Amino acid sequence: MEGIRIEVGETLSGSLEESGDRKLYNFVVATEDTYVMFTTSNFDPMLYLYDVNMVQIQSNDDSGGNLQPLIIRNLAIGNYYLEVAGWGLSYGDYQLTLDYED
């Protein structure tokens, strides 16, 4: 699996073009810490966190408020994936943020 590279501290813009569309991102954790991952959008996205073997670690639908997903998780050093998908039939433009928890 490849995916689009996102760095810690970065916000990337993306788009789900149609119902059922998904976008995969990859990132590297160089320091064990607590990380926050979320989207900002005008539709109802889902966010999935996977380990390097694409085994799902966590998913979230609406914990960020306004139908936005939010994952806060302590991660060990390693490679991970994030996947953005629409809930149900929803799709549209979004911003995905990956950062350290304050």
N, C-alpha and C. Protein backbone atom coordinates (compact mmCIF):
# COMPACT_ATOMS: atom_id res chain seq x y z
N MET A 1 0.85 -1.18 0.00
CA MET A 1 0.00 0.00 0.00
C MET A 1 0.90 1.24 0.00
N GLU A 2 0.52 2.20 -0.76
CA GLU A 2 1.31 3.42 -0.85
C GLU A 2 0.59 4.58 -0.16
N GLY A 3 -0.41 5.12 -0.78
CA GLY A 3 -1.13 6.24 -0.21
C GLY A 3 -0.41 7.56 -0.42
N ILE A 4 -1.07 8.62 -0.06
CA ILE A 4 -0.56 9.98 -0.15
C ILE A 4 0.19 10.27 1.15
N ARG A 5 1.37 10.80 1.06
CA ARG A 5 2.18 11.08 2.24
C ARG A 5 1.65 12.32 2.97
N ILE A 6 1.47 12.20 4.30
CA ILE A 6 1.14 13.33 5.16
C ILE A 6 2.14 13.33 6.30
N GLU A 7 2.65 14.50 6.64
CA GLU A 7 3.63 14.64 7.71
C GLU A 7 2.94 15.12 8.98
N VAL A 8 3.51 14.78 10.13
CA VAL A 8 3.00 15.28 11.40
C VAL A 8 3.12 16.80 11.38
N GLY A 9 2.04 17.48 11.76
CA GLY A 9 2.00 18.94 11.75
C GLY A 9 1.44 19.51 10.46
N GLU A 10 0.96 18.66 9.57
CA GLU A 10 0.50 19.07 8.25
C GLU A 10 -1.01 18.93 8.12
N THR A 11 -1.60 19.80 7.30
CA THR A 11 -2.99 19.71 6.89
C THR A 11 -3.01 19.63 5.37
N LEU A 12 -3.64 18.59 4.84
CA LEU A 12 -3.75 18.42 3.39
C LEU A 12 -5.19 18.54 2.94
N SER A 13 -5.40 19.13 1.78
CA SER A 13 -6.73 19.19 1.17
C SER A 13 -6.93 17.98 0.29
N GLY A 14 -8.16 17.47 0.27
CA GLY A 14 -8.50 16.33 -0.57
C GLY A 14 -9.95 16.39 -0.98
N SER A 15 -10.35 15.42 -1.78
CA SER A 15 -11.72 15.37 -2.25
C SER A 15 -12.13 13.93 -2.49
N LEU A 16 -13.32 13.59 -2.02
CA LEU A 16 -13.97 12.34 -2.40
C LEU A 16 -14.91 12.70 -3.52
N GLU A 17 -14.67 12.19 -4.70
CA GLU A 17 -15.36 12.62 -5.91
C GLU A 17 -16.76 12.07 -6.08
N GLU A 18 -17.02 10.92 -5.43
CA GLU A 18 -18.33 10.29 -5.57
C GLU A 18 -18.59 9.38 -4.37
N SER A 19 -19.82 8.98 -4.21
CA SER A 19 -20.19 8.06 -3.14
C SER A 19 -19.36 6.79 -3.24
N GLY A 20 -18.80 6.34 -2.13
CA GLY A 20 -17.98 5.13 -2.12
C GLY A 20 -16.50 5.38 -2.33
N ASP A 21 -16.14 6.61 -2.70
CA ASP A 21 -14.73 6.96 -2.89
C ASP A 21 -14.01 6.95 -1.54
N ARG A 22 -12.73 6.59 -1.55
CA ARG A 22 -11.89 6.58 -0.34
C ARG A 22 -10.51 7.11 -0.71
N LYS A 23 -9.84 7.77 0.24
CA LYS A 23 -8.48 8.24 0.01
C LYS A 23 -7.60 7.71 1.14
N LEU A 24 -6.44 7.17 0.76
CA LEU A 24 -5.51 6.58 1.70
C LEU A 24 -4.28 7.48 1.84
N TYR A 25 -3.84 7.68 3.08
CA TYR A 25 -2.67 8.49 3.40
C TYR A 25 -1.70 7.64 4.23
N ASN A 26 -0.41 7.92 4.11
CA ASN A 26 0.56 7.23 4.95
C ASN A 26 1.39 8.24 5.72
N PHE A 27 1.84 7.82 6.91
CA PHE A 27 2.69 8.69 7.71
C PHE A 27 3.61 7.86 8.59
N VAL A 28 4.69 8.50 9.04
CA VAL A 28 5.68 7.86 9.89
C VAL A 28 5.67 8.52 11.26
N VAL A 29 5.62 7.70 12.30
CA VAL A 29 5.76 8.19 13.66
C VAL A 29 7.21 7.94 14.07
N ALA A 30 7.95 9.02 14.29
CA ALA A 30 9.37 8.93 14.66
C ALA A 30 9.57 8.96 16.17
N THR A 31 8.55 9.46 16.90
CA THR A 31 8.62 9.58 18.35
C THR A 31 7.31 9.08 18.94
N GLU A 32 7.39 8.13 19.86
CA GLU A 32 6.17 7.68 20.52
C GLU A 32 5.55 8.87 21.25
N ASP A 33 4.28 9.12 20.96
CA ASP A 33 3.59 10.29 21.52
C ASP A 33 2.10 10.12 21.27
N THR A 34 1.32 11.10 21.71
CA THR A 34 -0.11 11.12 21.44
C THR A 34 -0.36 12.03 20.25
N TYR A 35 -1.08 11.51 19.27
CA TYR A 35 -1.33 12.22 18.02
C TYR A 35 -2.82 12.47 17.86
N VAL A 36 -3.14 13.54 17.15
CA VAL A 36 -4.53 13.88 16.85
C VAL A 36 -4.70 13.90 15.34
N MET A 37 -5.80 13.28 14.87
CA MET A 37 -6.11 13.18 13.45
C MET A 37 -7.57 13.57 13.27
N PHE A 38 -7.84 14.50 12.35
CA PHE A 38 -9.23 14.91 12.16
C PHE A 38 -9.42 15.51 10.77
N THR A 39 -10.69 15.61 10.38
CA THR A 39 -11.03 16.27 9.12
C THR A 39 -11.90 17.50 9.40
N THR A 40 -11.89 18.40 8.43
CA THR A 40 -12.80 19.53 8.36
C THR A 40 -13.42 19.46 6.97
N SER A 41 -14.76 19.45 6.90
CA SER A 41 -15.40 19.31 5.59
C SER A 41 -16.84 19.81 5.65
N ASN A 42 -17.50 19.76 4.48
CA ASN A 42 -18.91 20.13 4.38
C ASN A 42 -19.79 18.90 4.19
N PHE A 43 -19.25 17.70 4.48
CA PHE A 43 -20.05 16.48 4.41
C PHE A 43 -19.73 15.62 5.65
N ASP A 44 -20.20 14.40 5.70
CA ASP A 44 -20.05 13.53 6.87
C ASP A 44 -19.01 12.44 6.59
N PRO A 45 -17.71 12.73 6.85
CA PRO A 45 -16.67 11.74 6.58
C PRO A 45 -16.44 10.77 7.74
N MET A 46 -15.78 9.67 7.42
CA MET A 46 -15.28 8.70 8.39
C MET A 46 -13.76 8.73 8.30
N LEU A 47 -13.11 8.40 9.41
CA LEU A 47 -11.65 8.35 9.43
C LEU A 47 -11.22 7.01 10.03
N TYR A 48 -10.31 6.33 9.34
CA TYR A 48 -9.81 5.03 9.77
C TYR A 48 -8.31 5.11 9.96
N LEU A 49 -7.80 4.51 11.04
CA LEU A 49 -6.37 4.43 11.32
C LEU A 49 -5.94 2.97 11.24
N TYR A 50 -4.88 2.72 10.44
CA TYR A 50 -4.37 1.36 10.24
C TYR A 50 -2.89 1.29 10.60
N ASP A 51 -2.43 0.10 10.99
CA ASP A 51 -1.00 -0.09 11.18
C ASP A 51 -0.35 -0.38 9.83
N VAL A 52 0.95 -0.67 9.85
CA VAL A 52 1.71 -0.87 8.62
C VAL A 52 1.19 -2.06 7.81
N ASN A 53 0.52 -3.00 8.45
CA ASN A 53 -0.04 -4.18 7.77
C ASN A 53 -1.50 -3.99 7.36
N MET A 54 -1.99 -2.76 7.45
CA MET A 54 -3.37 -2.41 7.11
C MET A 54 -4.39 -3.11 8.03
N VAL A 55 -3.97 -3.36 9.27
CA VAL A 55 -4.90 -3.85 10.30
C VAL A 55 -5.48 -2.62 10.98
N GLN A 56 -6.81 -2.53 11.01
CA GLN A 56 -7.46 -1.36 11.58
C GLN A 56 -7.19 -1.26 13.08
N ILE A 57 -6.71 -0.08 13.50
CA ILE A 57 -6.43 0.21 14.90
C ILE A 57 -7.63 0.92 15.52
N GLN A 58 -8.20 1.87 14.78
CA GLN A 58 -9.31 2.67 15.29
C GLN A 58 -10.04 3.30 14.12
N SER A 59 -11.31 3.61 14.34
CA SER A 59 -12.09 4.38 13.37
C SER A 59 -12.94 5.37 14.15
N ASN A 60 -13.40 6.41 13.45
CA ASN A 60 -14.26 7.39 14.10
C ASN A 60 -15.15 8.05 13.07
N ASP A 61 -16.34 8.42 13.54
CA ASP A 61 -17.33 9.06 12.68
C ASP A 61 -17.52 10.53 13.07
N ASP A 62 -18.03 10.80 14.26
CA ASP A 62 -18.49 12.15 14.59
C ASP A 62 -17.91 12.76 15.86
N SER A 63 -16.84 12.24 16.42
CA SER A 63 -16.33 12.74 17.71
C SER A 63 -15.79 14.16 17.64
N GLY A 64 -15.48 14.66 16.45
CA GLY A 64 -14.95 16.01 16.30
C GLY A 64 -16.01 17.09 16.27
N GLY A 65 -17.29 16.71 16.36
CA GLY A 65 -18.38 17.68 16.28
C GLY A 65 -18.71 18.01 14.84
N ASN A 66 -19.89 18.50 14.60
CA ASN A 66 -20.36 18.88 13.25
C ASN A 66 -20.16 17.77 12.23
N LEU A 67 -20.40 16.52 12.63
CA LEU A 67 -20.29 15.34 11.77
C LEU A 67 -18.86 15.06 11.31
N GLN A 68 -17.86 15.55 12.05
CA GLN A 68 -16.46 15.35 11.67
C GLN A 68 -15.79 14.31 12.56
N PRO A 69 -14.94 13.46 11.98
CA PRO A 69 -14.23 12.46 12.77
C PRO A 69 -13.03 13.05 13.50
N LEU A 70 -12.70 12.43 14.63
CA LEU A 70 -11.55 12.84 15.44
C LEU A 70 -10.97 11.59 16.08
N ILE A 71 -9.67 11.38 15.88
CA ILE A 71 -8.96 10.28 16.53
C ILE A 71 -7.81 10.89 17.33
N ILE A 72 -7.75 10.56 18.62
CA ILE A 72 -6.64 10.94 19.48
C ILE A 72 -6.08 9.63 20.01
N ARG A 73 -4.79 9.39 19.72
CA ARG A 73 -4.25 8.06 20.03
C ARG A 73 -2.74 8.14 20.28
N ASN A 74 -2.29 7.40 21.28
CA ASN A 74 -0.86 7.23 21.50
C ASN A 74 -0.37 6.21 20.47
N LEU A 75 0.68 6.59 19.73
CA LEU A 75 1.22 5.72 18.70
C LEU A 75 2.69 5.44 18.95
N ALA A 76 3.07 4.19 18.78
CA ALA A 76 4.47 3.79 18.88
C ALA A 76 5.20 4.17 17.59
N ILE A 77 6.50 4.16 17.64
CA ILE A 77 7.31 4.44 16.45
C ILE A 77 6.95 3.43 15.35
N GLY A 78 6.75 3.92 14.14
CA GLY A 78 6.41 3.03 13.04
C GLY A 78 5.70 3.73 11.92
N ASN A 79 5.21 2.95 10.96
CA ASN A 79 4.47 3.45 9.79
C ASN A 79 2.99 3.18 9.97
N TYR A 80 2.17 4.14 9.56
CA TYR A 80 0.72 4.05 9.74
C TYR A 80 0.02 4.57 8.49
N TYR A 81 -1.27 4.25 8.41
CA TYR A 81 -2.13 4.74 7.34
C TYR A 81 -3.38 5.38 7.92
N LEU A 82 -3.86 6.42 7.26
CA LEU A 82 -5.16 7.02 7.53
C LEU A 82 -5.99 6.91 6.27
N GLU A 83 -7.27 6.60 6.43
CA GLU A 83 -8.17 6.54 5.28
C GLU A 83 -9.37 7.42 5.55
N VAL A 84 -9.70 8.26 4.57
CA VAL A 84 -10.89 9.11 4.63
C VAL A 84 -11.93 8.52 3.70
N ALA A 85 -13.14 8.36 4.22
CA ALA A 85 -14.27 7.84 3.43
C ALA A 85 -15.52 8.60 3.82
N GLY A 86 -16.51 8.59 2.98
CA GLY A 86 -17.79 9.22 3.31
C GLY A 86 -18.68 8.25 4.06
N TRP A 87 -19.41 8.78 5.02
CA TRP A 87 -20.39 7.96 5.73
C TRP A 87 -21.62 7.84 4.83
N GLY A 88 -22.10 6.60 4.66
CA GLY A 88 -23.26 6.39 3.79
C GLY A 88 -22.93 6.79 2.37
N LEU A 89 -23.73 7.67 1.82
CA LEU A 89 -23.54 8.11 0.43
C LEU A 89 -22.85 9.47 0.32
N SER A 90 -22.33 9.99 1.43
CA SER A 90 -21.77 11.34 1.42
C SER A 90 -20.37 11.40 0.80
N TYR A 91 -20.06 12.55 0.22
CA TYR A 91 -18.75 12.80 -0.38
C TYR A 91 -18.58 14.30 -0.55
N GLY A 92 -17.34 14.73 -0.83
CA GLY A 92 -17.07 16.15 -1.02
C GLY A 92 -15.62 16.48 -0.72
N ASP A 93 -15.34 17.78 -0.57
CA ASP A 93 -14.00 18.28 -0.29
C ASP A 93 -13.75 18.26 1.22
N TYR A 94 -12.48 18.07 1.61
CA TYR A 94 -12.14 18.03 3.03
C TYR A 94 -10.70 18.47 3.22
N GLN A 95 -10.36 18.73 4.48
CA GLN A 95 -8.99 18.93 4.90
C GLN A 95 -8.70 17.90 5.98
N LEU A 96 -7.56 17.22 5.86
CA LEU A 96 -7.13 16.22 6.83
C LEU A 96 -5.92 16.77 7.58
N THR A 97 -6.01 16.74 8.92
CA THR A 97 -4.93 17.24 9.77
C THR A 97 -4.37 16.09 10.60
N LEU A 98 -3.05 16.05 10.69
CA LEU A 98 -2.31 15.11 11.54
C LEU A 98 -1.33 15.95 12.36
N ASP A 99 -1.41 15.82 13.71
CA ASP A 99 -0.53 16.64 14.54
C ASP A 99 -0.33 15.95 15.89
N TYR A 100 0.57 16.53 16.69
CA TYR A 100 0.72 16.11 18.07
C TYR A 100 -0.46 16.65 18.86
N GLU A 101 -0.90 15.93 19.88
CA GLU A 101 -1.94 16.46 20.76
C GLU A 101 -1.31 17.55 21.62
N ASP A 102 -2.01 18.66 21.79
CA ASP A 102 -1.51 19.76 22.63
C ASP A 102 -1.50 19.37 24.09
